[in-house]
Amino acid sequence: GNSEEKLEIKKLSNGQVYVQGASVVKVSDANQLVSLFYDA
């Protein structure tokens, strides 16, 4: 929650919205995702 990087809202050509500069973490199973979620 302390990122100093500027985060900007962007939209792809298909209309999908994403936040440029936000962390993107690959997850391989549900337990890893749940742990990541609780930490966040």
PDB file of all heavy atoms in Angstrom:
ATOM      1  N   GLY A   1       0.790  -1.219   0.000  1.00  0.00           N
ATOM      2  CA  GLY A   1       0.000   0.000   0.000  1.00  0.00           C
ATOM      3  C   GLY A   1       0.820   1.265   0.000  1.00  0.00           C
ATOM      4  O   GLY A   1       0.309   2.349   0.257  1.00  0.00           O
ATOM      5  N   ASN A   2       2.121   1.156  -0.294  1.00  0.00           N
ATOM      6  CA  ASN A   2       2.999   2.329  -0.232  1.00  0.00           C
ATOM      7  C   ASN A   2       3.710   2.609  -1.548  1.00  0.00           C
ATOM      8  O   ASN A   2       4.775   3.199  -1.573  1.00  0.00           O
ATOM      9  CB  ASN A   2       4.051   2.119   0.878  1.00  0.00           C
ATOM     10  CG  ASN A   2       3.429   2.061   2.254  1.00  0.00           C
ATOM     11  OD1 ASN A   2       2.559   2.871   2.572  1.00  0.00           O
ATOM     12  ND2 ASN A   2       3.862   1.109   3.061  1.00  0.00           N
ATOM     13  N   SER A   3       3.117   2.164  -2.635  1.00  0.00           N
ATOM     14  CA  SER A   3       3.760   2.362  -3.931  1.00  0.00           C
ATOM     15  C   SER A   3       3.809   3.841  -4.295  1.00  0.00           C
ATOM     16  O   SER A   3       2.819   4.558  -4.215  1.00  0.00           O
ATOM     17  CB  SER A   3       3.000   1.599  -5.026  1.00  0.00           C
ATOM     18  OG  SER A   3       3.544   1.910  -6.284  1.00  0.00           O
ATOM     19  N   GLU A   4       5.004   4.308  -4.661  1.00  0.00           N
ATOM     20  CA  GLU A   4       5.146   5.690  -5.096  1.00  0.00           C
ATOM     21  C   GLU A   4       5.025   5.804  -6.613  1.00  0.00           C
ATOM     22  O   GLU A   4       5.038   6.895  -7.162  1.00  0.00           O
ATOM     23  CB  GLU A   4       6.502   6.239  -4.630  1.00  0.00           C
ATOM     24  CG  GLU A   4       6.646   6.308  -3.108  1.00  0.00           C
ATOM     25  CD  GLU A   4       7.990   6.876  -2.699  1.00  0.00           C
ATOM     26  OE1 GLU A   4       8.809   7.152  -3.598  1.00  0.00           O
ATOM     27  OE2 GLU A   4       8.222   7.036  -1.486  1.00  0.00           O
ATOM     28  N   GLU A   5       4.919   4.652  -7.263  1.00  0.00           N
ATOM     29  CA  GLU A   5       4.799   4.650  -8.713  1.00  0.00           C
ATOM     30  C   GLU A   5       3.427   5.149  -9.118  1.00  0.00           C
ATOM     31  O   GLU A   5       2.411   4.759  -8.533  1.00  0.00           O
ATOM     32  CB  GLU A   5       5.028   3.237  -9.253  1.00  0.00           C
ATOM     33  CG  GLU A   5       5.082   3.151 -10.770  1.00  0.00           C
ATOM     34  CD  GLU A   5       5.423   1.751 -11.248  1.00  0.00           C
ATOM     35  OE1 GLU A   5       5.576   0.862 -10.393  1.00  0.00           O
ATOM     36  OE2 GLU A   5       5.542   1.561 -12.464  1.00  0.00           O
ATOM     37  N   LYS A   6       3.370   6.004 -10.123  1.00  0.00           N
ATOM     38  CA  LYS A   6       2.108   6.549 -10.584  1.00  0.00           C
ATOM     39  C   LYS A   6       1.309   5.467 -11.291  1.00  0.00           C
ATOM     40  O   LYS A   6       1.794   4.802 -12.188  1.00  0.00           O
ATOM     41  CB  LYS A   6       2.347   7.736 -11.532  1.00  0.00           C
ATOM     42  CG  LYS A   6       1.068   8.434 -11.959  1.00  0.00           C
ATOM     43  CD  LYS A   6       1.353   9.629 -12.845  1.00  0.00           C
ATOM     44  CE  LYS A   6       0.074  10.325 -13.261  1.00  0.00           C
ATOM     45  NZ  LYS A   6       0.335  11.496 -14.154  1.00  0.00           N
ATOM     46  N   LEU A   7       0.066   5.294 -10.860  1.00  0.00           N
ATOM     47  CA  LEU A   7      -0.809   4.290 -11.442  1.00  0.00           C
ATOM     48  C   LEU A   7      -1.868   4.973 -12.296  1.00  0.00           C
ATOM     49  O   LEU A   7      -2.535   5.894 -11.828  1.00  0.00           O
ATOM     50  CB  LEU A   7      -1.477   3.460 -10.342  1.00  0.00           C
ATOM     51  CG  LEU A   7      -0.529   2.758  -9.361  1.00  0.00           C
ATOM     52  CD1 LEU A   7      -1.319   2.012  -8.291  1.00  0.00           C
ATOM     53  CD2 LEU A   7       0.393   1.800 -10.093  1.00  0.00           C
ATOM     54  N   GLU A   8      -2.004   4.527 -13.519  1.00  0.00           N
ATOM     55  CA  GLU A   8      -2.951   5.149 -14.442  1.00  0.00           C
ATOM     56  C   GLU A   8      -3.944   4.121 -14.970  1.00  0.00           C
ATOM     57  O   GLU A   8      -3.593   2.964 -15.226  1.00  0.00           O
ATOM     58  CB  GLU A   8      -2.199   5.788 -15.622  1.00  0.00           C
ATOM     59  CG  GLU A   8      -1.292   6.940 -15.222  1.00  0.00           C
ATOM     60  CD  GLU A   8      -0.656   7.612 -16.423  1.00  0.00           C
ATOM     61  OE1 GLU A   8      -0.893   7.138 -17.556  1.00  0.00           O
ATOM     62  OE2 GLU A   8       0.069   8.593 -16.226  1.00  0.00           O
ATOM     63  N   ILE A   9      -5.176   4.567 -15.133  1.00  0.00           N
ATOM     64  CA  ILE A   9      -6.230   3.705 -15.659  1.00  0.00           C
ATOM     65  C   ILE A   9      -6.172   3.724 -17.183  1.00  0.00           C
ATOM     66  O   ILE A   9      -6.212   4.776 -17.797  1.00  0.00           O
ATOM     67  CB  ILE A   9      -7.610   4.173 -15.170  1.00  0.00           C
ATOM     68  CG1 ILE A   9      -7.651   4.198 -13.642  1.00  0.00           C
ATOM     69  CG2 ILE A   9      -8.713   3.264 -15.718  1.00  0.00           C
ATOM     70  CD1 ILE A   9      -8.879   4.874 -13.069  1.00  0.00           C
ATOM     71  N   LYS A  10      -6.068   2.541 -17.781  1.00  0.00           N
ATOM     72  CA  LYS A  10      -5.992   2.418 -19.233  1.00  0.00           C
ATOM     73  C   LYS A  10      -7.080   1.459 -19.722  1.00  0.00           C
ATOM     74  O   LYS A  10      -7.643   0.681 -18.952  1.00  0.00           O
ATOM     75  CB  LYS A  10      -4.617   1.898 -19.659  1.00  0.00           C
ATOM     76  CG  LYS A  10      -3.443   2.785 -19.248  1.00  0.00           C
ATOM     77  CD  LYS A  10      -3.425   4.076 -20.050  1.00  0.00           C
ATOM     78  CE  LYS A  10      -2.188   4.904 -19.719  1.00  0.00           C
ATOM     79  NZ  LYS A  10      -2.127   6.160 -20.525  1.00  0.00           N
ATOM     80  N   LYS A  11      -7.347   1.513 -21.009  1.00  0.00           N
ATOM     81  CA  LYS A  11      -8.347   0.631 -21.604  1.00  0.00           C
ATOM     82  C   LYS A  11      -7.806   0.038 -22.891  1.00  0.00           C
ATOM     83  O   LYS A  11      -7.281   0.748 -23.749  1.00  0.00           O
ATOM     84  CB  LYS A  11      -9.649   1.390 -21.869  1.00  0.00           C
ATOM     85  CG  LYS A  11     -10.806   0.491 -22.292  1.00  0.00           C
ATOM     86  CD  LYS A  11     -12.138   1.221 -22.254  1.00  0.00           C
ATOM     87  CE  LYS A  11     -12.238   2.287 -23.317  1.00  0.00           C
ATOM     88  NZ  LYS A  11     -13.608   2.835 -23.444  1.00  0.00           N
ATOM     89  N   LEU A  12      -7.930  -1.283 -23.033  1.00  0.00           N
ATOM     90  CA  LEU A  12      -7.493  -1.970 -24.238  1.00  0.00           C
ATOM     91  C   LEU A  12      -8.488  -1.762 -25.369  1.00  0.00           C
ATOM     92  O   LEU A  12      -9.608  -1.281 -25.155  1.00  0.00           O
ATOM     93  CB  LEU A  12      -7.342  -3.465 -23.950  1.00  0.00           C
ATOM     94  CG  LEU A  12      -6.309  -3.854 -22.885  1.00  0.00           C
ATOM     95  CD1 LEU A  12      -6.376  -5.347 -22.601  1.00  0.00           C
ATOM     96  CD2 LEU A  12      -4.910  -3.456 -23.324  1.00  0.00           C
ATOM     97  N   SER A  13      -8.098  -2.141 -26.567  1.00  0.00           N
ATOM     98  CA  SER A  13      -8.969  -1.959 -27.737  1.00  0.00           C
ATOM     99  C   SER A  13     -10.269  -2.753 -27.619  1.00  0.00           C
ATOM    100  O   SER A  13     -11.282  -2.381 -28.195  1.00  0.00           O
ATOM    101  CB  SER A  13      -8.226  -2.379 -29.010  1.00  0.00           C
ATOM    102  OG  SER A  13      -7.798  -3.732 -28.921  1.00  0.00           O
ATOM    103  N   ASN A  14     -10.242  -3.842 -26.837  1.00  0.00           N
ATOM    104  CA  ASN A  14     -11.464  -4.636 -26.646  1.00  0.00           C
ATOM    105  C   ASN A  14     -12.353  -4.106 -25.522  1.00  0.00           C
ATOM    106  O   ASN A  14     -13.363  -4.721 -25.173  1.00  0.00           O
ATOM    107  CB  ASN A  14     -11.110  -6.109 -26.377  1.00  0.00           C
ATOM    108  CG  ASN A  14     -10.261  -6.293 -25.123  1.00  0.00           C
ATOM    109  OD1 ASN A  14     -10.205  -5.436 -24.260  1.00  0.00           O
ATOM    110  ND2 ASN A  14      -9.585  -7.427 -25.042  1.00  0.00           N
ATOM    111  N   GLY A  15     -11.963  -2.954 -24.951  1.00  0.00           N
ATOM    112  CA  GLY A  15     -12.763  -2.328 -23.901  1.00  0.00           C
ATOM    113  C   GLY A  15     -12.375  -2.725 -22.497  1.00  0.00           C
ATOM    114  O   GLY A  15     -12.892  -2.162 -21.523  1.00  0.00           O
ATOM    115  N   GLN A  16     -11.457  -3.672 -22.333  1.00  0.00           N
ATOM    116  CA  GLN A  16     -11.050  -4.137 -21.012  1.00  0.00           C
ATOM    117  C   GLN A  16     -10.189  -3.087 -20.313  1.00  0.00           C
ATOM    118  O   GLN A  16      -9.266  -2.527 -20.899  1.00  0.00           O
ATOM    119  CB  GLN A  16     -10.292  -5.448 -21.128  1.00  0.00           C
ATOM    120  CG  GLN A  16     -10.105  -6.167 -19.804  1.00  0.00           C
ATOM    121  CD  GLN A  16      -9.458  -7.524 -19.983  1.00  0.00           C
ATOM    122  OE1 GLN A  16      -8.239  -7.658 -19.950  1.00  0.00           O
ATOM    123  NE2 GLN A  16     -10.277  -8.540 -20.217  1.00  0.00           N
ATOM    124  N   VAL A  17     -10.499  -2.833 -19.056  1.00  0.00           N
ATOM    125  CA  VAL A  17      -9.806  -1.811 -18.267  1.00  0.00           C
ATOM    126  C   VAL A  17      -8.693  -2.463 -17.432  1.00  0.00           C
ATOM    127  O   VAL A  17      -8.853  -3.562 -16.915  1.00  0.00           O
ATOM    128  CB  VAL A  17     -10.805  -1.093 -17.331  1.00  0.00           C
ATOM    129  CG1 VAL A  17     -10.077  -0.140 -16.395  1.00  0.00           C
ATOM    130  CG2 VAL A  17     -11.853  -0.337 -18.156  1.00  0.00           C
ATOM    131  N   TYR A  18      -7.567  -1.777 -17.339  1.00  0.00           N
ATOM    132  CA  TYR A  18      -6.488  -2.246 -16.468  1.00  0.00           C
ATOM    133  C   TYR A  18      -5.776  -1.034 -15.871  1.00  0.00           C
ATOM    134  O   TYR A  18      -5.955   0.102 -16.329  1.00  0.00           O
ATOM    135  CB  TYR A  18      -5.504  -3.131 -17.219  1.00  0.00           C
ATOM    136  CG  TYR A  18      -4.632  -2.406 -18.235  1.00  0.00           C
ATOM    137  CD1 TYR A  18      -3.319  -2.047 -17.936  1.00  0.00           C
ATOM    138  CD2 TYR A  18      -5.127  -2.062 -19.494  1.00  0.00           C
ATOM    139  CE1 TYR A  18      -2.519  -1.387 -18.851  1.00  0.00           C
ATOM    140  CE2 TYR A  18      -4.339  -1.396 -20.414  1.00  0.00           C
ATOM    141  CZ  TYR A  18      -3.036  -1.060 -20.090  1.00  0.00           C
ATOM    142  OH  TYR A  18      -2.253  -0.386 -21.003  1.00  0.00           O
ATOM    143  N   VAL A  19      -4.984  -1.264 -14.834  1.00  0.00           N
ATOM    144  CA  VAL A  19      -4.251  -0.189 -14.165  1.00  0.00           C
ATOM    145  C   VAL A  19      -2.779  -0.319 -14.513  1.00  0.00           C
ATOM    146  O   VAL A  19      -2.107  -1.269 -14.099  1.00  0.00           O
ATOM    147  CB  VAL A  19      -4.448  -0.234 -12.641  1.00  0.00           C
ATOM    148  CG1 VAL A  19      -3.602   0.845 -11.961  1.00  0.00           C
ATOM    149  CG2 VAL A  19      -5.916  -0.052 -12.289  1.00  0.00           C
ATOM    150  N   GLN A  20      -2.296   0.620 -15.316  1.00  0.00           N
ATOM    151  CA  GLN A  20      -0.896   0.603 -15.734  1.00  0.00           C
ATOM    152  C   GLN A  20       0.002   0.952 -14.552  1.00  0.00           C
ATOM    153  O   GLN A  20      -0.203   1.950 -13.867  1.00  0.00           O
ATOM    154  CB  GLN A  20      -0.692   1.610 -16.869  1.00  0.00           C
ATOM    155  CG  GLN A  20       0.681   1.570 -17.505  1.00  0.00           C
ATOM    156  CD  GLN A  20       0.796   2.541 -18.649  1.00  0.00           C
ATOM    157  OE1 GLN A  20       0.663   3.749 -18.478  1.00  0.00           O
ATOM    158  NE2 GLN A  20       1.027   2.012 -19.851  1.00  0.00           N
ATOM    159  N   GLY A  21       1.002   0.120 -14.317  1.00  0.00           N
ATOM    160  CA  GLY A  21       1.918   0.350 -13.199  1.00  0.00           C
ATOM    161  C   GLY A  21       1.599  -0.495 -11.980  1.00  0.00           C
ATOM    162  O   GLY A  21       2.417  -0.586 -11.058  1.00  0.00           O
ATOM    163  N   ALA A  22       0.409  -1.127 -11.954  1.00  0.00           N
ATOM    164  CA  ALA A  22       0.048  -1.972 -10.820  1.00  0.00           C
ATOM    165  C   ALA A  22       0.770  -3.314 -10.904  1.00  0.00           C
ATOM    166  O   ALA A  22       1.085  -3.802 -11.992  1.00  0.00           O
ATOM    167  CB  ALA A  22      -1.462  -2.198 -10.782  1.00  0.00           C
ATOM    168  N   SER A  23       1.023  -3.908  -9.763  1.00  0.00           N
ATOM    169  CA  SER A  23       1.677  -5.217  -9.723  1.00  0.00           C
ATOM    170  C   SER A  23       0.780  -6.269 -10.361  1.00  0.00           C
ATOM    171  O   SER A  23      -0.438  -6.258 -10.174  1.00  0.00           O
ATOM    172  CB  SER A  23       1.970  -5.623  -8.275  1.00  0.00           C
ATOM    173  OG  SER A  23       2.786  -4.668  -7.639  1.00  0.00           O
ATOM    174  N   VAL A  24       1.396  -7.163 -11.115  1.00  0.00           N
ATOM    175  CA  VAL A  24       0.689  -8.308 -11.699  1.00  0.00           C
ATOM    176  C   VAL A  24       1.432  -9.558 -11.244  1.00  0.00           C
ATOM    177  O   VAL A  24       2.583  -9.772 -11.624  1.00  0.00           O
ATOM    178  CB  VAL A  24       0.638  -8.233 -13.237  1.00  0.00           C
ATOM    179  CG1 VAL A  24      -0.098  -9.452 -13.796  1.00  0.00           C
ATOM    180  CG2 VAL A  24      -0.034  -6.942 -13.699  1.00  0.00           C
ATOM    181  N   VAL A  25       0.774 -10.372 -10.425  1.00  0.00           N
ATOM    182  CA  VAL A  25       1.424 -11.544  -9.833  1.00  0.00           C
ATOM    183  C   VAL A  25       0.808 -12.817 -10.394  1.00  0.00           C
ATOM    184  O   VAL A  25      -0.411 -13.008 -10.327  1.00  0.00           O
ATOM    185  CB  VAL A  25       1.287 -11.536  -8.294  1.00  0.00           C
ATOM    186  CG1 VAL A  25       1.942 -12.779  -7.693  1.00  0.00           C
ATOM    187  CG2 VAL A  25       1.911 -10.270  -7.719  1.00  0.00           C
ATOM    188  N   LYS A  26       1.647 -13.693 -10.953  1.00  0.00           N
ATOM    189  CA  LYS A  26       1.150 -14.970 -11.457  1.00  0.00           C
ATOM    190  C   LYS A  26       0.929 -15.923 -10.278  1.00  0.00           C
ATOM    191  O   LYS A  26       1.736 -15.988  -9.354  1.00  0.00           O
ATOM    192  CB  LYS A  26       2.140 -15.579 -12.447  1.00  0.00           C
ATOM    193  CG  LYS A  26       2.137 -14.891 -13.803  1.00  0.00           C
ATOM    194  CD  LYS A  26       2.947 -15.684 -14.821  1.00  0.00           C
ATOM    195  CE  LYS A  26       2.833 -15.065 -16.210  1.00  0.00           C
ATOM    196  NZ  LYS A  26       3.555 -15.865 -17.236  1.00  0.00           N
ATOM    197  N   VAL A  27      -0.176 -16.658 -10.335  1.00  0.00           N
ATOM    198  CA  VAL A  27      -0.496 -17.615  -9.279  1.00  0.00           C
ATOM    199  C   VAL A  27      -0.759 -18.978  -9.916  1.00  0.00           C
ATOM    200  O   VAL A  27      -1.330 -19.064 -11.002  1.00  0.00           O
ATOM    201  CB  VAL A  27      -1.721 -17.160  -8.458  1.00  0.00           C
ATOM    202  CG1 VAL A  27      -1.365 -15.978  -7.584  1.00  0.00           C
ATOM    203  CG2 VAL A  27      -2.897 -16.796  -9.352  1.00  0.00           C
ATOM    204  N   SER A  28      -0.358 -20.031  -9.212  1.00  0.00           N
ATOM    205  CA  SER A  28      -0.457 -21.375  -9.777  1.00  0.00           C
ATOM    206  C   SER A  28      -1.538 -22.218  -9.134  1.00  0.00           C
ATOM    207  O   SER A  28      -1.900 -23.276  -9.660  1.00  0.00           O
ATOM    208  CB  SER A  28       0.888 -22.093  -9.657  1.00  0.00           C
ATOM    209  OG  SER A  28       1.305 -22.132  -8.301  1.00  0.00           O
ATOM    210  N   ASP A  29      -2.055 -21.786  -7.983  1.00  0.00           N
ATOM    211  CA  ASP A  29      -3.128 -22.547  -7.341  1.00  0.00           C
ATOM    212  C   ASP A  29      -3.952 -21.628  -6.449  1.00  0.00           C
ATOM    213  O   ASP A  29      -3.583 -20.478  -6.200  1.00  0.00           O
ATOM    214  CB  ASP A  29      -2.587 -23.732  -6.545  1.00  0.00           C
ATOM    215  CG  ASP A  29      -1.586 -23.335  -5.468  1.00  0.00           C
ATOM    216  OD1 ASP A  29      -1.897 -22.421  -4.668  1.00  0.00           O
ATOM    217  OD2 ASP A  29      -0.483 -23.909  -5.425  1.00  0.00           O
ATOM    218  N   ALA A  30      -5.073 -22.138  -5.952  1.00  0.00           N
ATOM    219  CA  ALA A  30      -6.003 -21.323  -5.175  1.00  0.00           C
ATOM    220  C   ALA A  30      -5.405 -20.875  -3.850  1.00  0.00           C
ATOM    221  O   ALA A  30      -5.615 -19.743  -3.408  1.00  0.00           O
ATOM    222  CB  ALA A  30      -7.289 -22.114  -4.942  1.00  0.00           C
ATOM    223  N   ASN A  31      -4.639 -21.752  -3.194  1.00  0.00           N
ATOM    224  CA  ASN A  31      -4.054 -21.390  -1.893  1.00  0.00           C
ATOM    225  C   ASN A  31      -3.107 -20.202  -2.026  1.00  0.00           C
ATOM    226  O   ASN A  31      -3.080 -19.305  -1.171  1.00  0.00           O
ATOM    227  CB  ASN A  31      -3.320 -22.586  -1.297  1.00  0.00           C
ATOM    228  CG  ASN A  31      -4.268 -23.677  -0.831  1.00  0.00           C
ATOM    229  OD1 ASN A  31      -5.409 -23.395  -0.457  1.00  0.00           O
ATOM    230  ND2 ASN A  31      -3.815 -24.914  -0.846  1.00  0.00           N
ATOM    231  N   GLN A  32      -2.330 -20.192  -3.105  1.00  0.00           N
ATOM    232  CA  GLN A  32      -1.411 -19.076  -3.339  1.00  0.00           C
ATOM    233  C   GLN A  32      -2.183 -17.786  -3.575  1.00  0.00           C
ATOM    234  O   GLN A  32      -1.819 -16.718  -3.071  1.00  0.00           O
ATOM    235  CB  GLN A  32      -0.518 -19.383  -4.536  1.00  0.00           C
ATOM    236  CG  GLN A  32       0.537 -18.310  -4.804  1.00  0.00           C
ATOM    237  CD  GLN A  32       1.354 -18.604  -6.052  1.00  0.00           C
ATOM    238  OE1 GLN A  32       1.120 -19.601  -6.743  1.00  0.00           O
ATOM    239  NE2 GLN A  32       2.317 -17.745  -6.346  1.00  0.00           N
ATOM    240  N   LEU A  33      -3.283 -17.890  -4.322  1.00  0.00           N
ATOM    241  CA  LEU A  33      -4.102 -16.718  -4.604  1.00  0.00           C
ATOM    242  C   LEU A  33      -4.779 -16.195  -3.338  1.00  0.00           C
ATOM    243  O   LEU A  33      -4.817 -14.983  -3.097  1.00  0.00           O
ATOM    244  CB  LEU A  33      -5.151 -17.064  -5.661  1.00  0.00           C
ATOM    245  CG  LEU A  33      -6.142 -15.949  -6.046  1.00  0.00           C
ATOM    246  CD1 LEU A  33      -5.402 -14.711  -6.532  1.00  0.00           C
ATOM    247  CD2 LEU A  33      -7.112 -16.452  -7.114  1.00  0.00           C
ATOM    248  N   VAL A  34      -5.303 -17.097  -2.526  1.00  0.00           N
ATOM    249  CA  VAL A  34      -5.961 -16.692  -1.275  1.00  0.00           C
ATOM    250  C   VAL A  34      -4.973 -16.011  -0.343  1.00  0.00           C
ATOM    251  O   VAL A  34      -5.279 -14.992   0.287  1.00  0.00           O
ATOM    252  CB  VAL A  34      -6.607 -17.912  -0.585  1.00  0.00           C
ATOM    253  CG1 VAL A  34      -7.076 -17.555   0.829  1.00  0.00           C
ATOM    254  CG2 VAL A  34      -7.790 -18.414  -1.411  1.00  0.00           C
ATOM    255  N   SER A  35      -3.769 -16.561  -0.239  1.00  0.00           N
ATOM    256  CA  SER A  35      -2.738 -15.954   0.607  1.00  0.00           C
ATOM    257  C   SER A  35      -2.382 -14.552   0.111  1.00  0.00           C
ATOM    258  O   SER A  35      -2.242 -13.611   0.911  1.00  0.00           O
ATOM    259  CB  SER A  35      -1.495 -16.847   0.614  1.00  0.00           C
ATOM    260  OG  SER A  35      -0.461 -16.264   1.382  1.00  0.00           O
ATOM    261  N   LEU A  36      -2.251 -14.416  -1.199  1.00  0.00           N
ATOM    262  CA  LEU A  36      -1.954 -13.114  -1.799  1.00  0.00           C
ATOM    263  C   LEU A  36      -3.074 -12.123  -1.493  1.00  0.00           C
ATOM    264  O   LEU A  36      -2.821 -10.958  -1.150  1.00  0.00           O
ATOM    265  CB  LEU A  36      -1.796 -13.277  -3.315  1.00  0.00           C
ATOM    266  CG  LEU A  36      -1.359 -12.055  -4.111  1.00  0.00           C
ATOM    267  CD1 LEU A  36       0.131 -11.795  -3.900  1.00  0.00           C
ATOM    268  CD2 LEU A  36      -1.642 -12.272  -5.603  1.00  0.00           C
ATOM    269  N   PHE A  37      -4.298 -12.594  -1.597  1.00  0.00           N
ATOM    270  CA  PHE A  37      -5.470 -11.753  -1.360  1.00  0.00           C
ATOM    271  C   PHE A  37      -5.520 -11.260   0.089  1.00  0.00           C
ATOM    272  O   PHE A  37      -5.752 -10.077   0.350  1.00  0.00           O
ATOM    273  CB  PHE A  37      -6.724 -12.547  -1.718  1.00  0.00           C
ATOM    274  CG  PHE A  37      -8.008 -11.822  -1.470  1.00  0.00           C
ATOM    275  CD1 PHE A  37      -8.374 -10.741  -2.265  1.00  0.00           C
ATOM    276  CD2 PHE A  37      -8.873 -12.219  -0.466  1.00  0.00           C
ATOM    277  CE1 PHE A  37      -9.567 -10.063  -2.051  1.00  0.00           C
ATOM    278  CE2 PHE A  37     -10.061 -11.557  -0.249  1.00  0.00           C
ATOM    279  CZ  PHE A  37     -10.413 -10.475  -1.038  1.00  0.00           C
ATOM    280  N   TYR A  38      -5.312 -12.166   1.032  1.00  0.00           N
ATOM    281  CA  TYR A  38      -5.349 -11.769   2.446  1.00  0.00           C
ATOM    282  C   TYR A  38      -4.236 -10.775   2.776  1.00  0.00           C
ATOM    283  O   TYR A  38      -4.442  -9.817   3.545  1.00  0.00           O
ATOM    284  CB  TYR A  38      -5.242 -12.998   3.350  1.00  0.00           C
ATOM    285  CG  TYR A  38      -6.544 -13.739   3.553  1.00  0.00           C
ATOM    286  CD1 TYR A  38      -6.611 -15.127   3.457  1.00  0.00           C
ATOM    287  CD2 TYR A  38      -7.715 -13.056   3.854  1.00  0.00           C
ATOM    288  CE1 TYR A  38      -7.804 -15.810   3.640  1.00  0.00           C
ATOM    289  CE2 TYR A  38      -8.914 -13.727   4.048  1.00  0.00           C
ATOM    290  CZ  TYR A  38      -8.949 -15.105   3.942  1.00  0.00           C
ATOM    291  OH  TYR A  38     -10.144 -15.773   4.125  1.00  0.00           O
ATOM    292  N   ASP A  39      -3.056 -10.991   2.210  1.00  0.00           N
ATOM    293  CA  ASP A  39      -1.953 -10.050   2.432  1.00  0.00           C
ATOM    294  C   ASP A  39      -2.327  -8.660   1.918  1.00  0.00           C
ATOM    295  O   ASP A  39      -2.030  -7.648   2.562  1.00  0.00           O
ATOM    296  CB  ASP A  39      -0.684 -10.534   1.724  1.00  0.00           C
ATOM    297  CG  ASP A  39      -0.049 -11.727   2.425  1.00  0.00           C
ATOM    298  OD1 ASP A  39      -0.393 -11.991   3.592  1.00  0.00           O
ATOM    299  OD2 ASP A  39       0.786 -12.407   1.791  1.00  0.00           O
ATOM    300  N   ALA A  40      -2.962  -8.624   0.752  1.00  0.00           N
ATOM    301  CA  ALA A  40      -3.379  -7.342   0.180  1.00  0.00           C
ATOM    302  C   ALA A  40      -4.428  -6.673   1.048  1.00  0.00           C
ATOM    303  O   ALA A  40      -4.369  -5.459   1.295  1.00  0.00           O
ATOM    304  CB  ALA A  40      -3.903  -7.557  -1.234  1.00  0.00           C
TER     305      ALA A  40
END
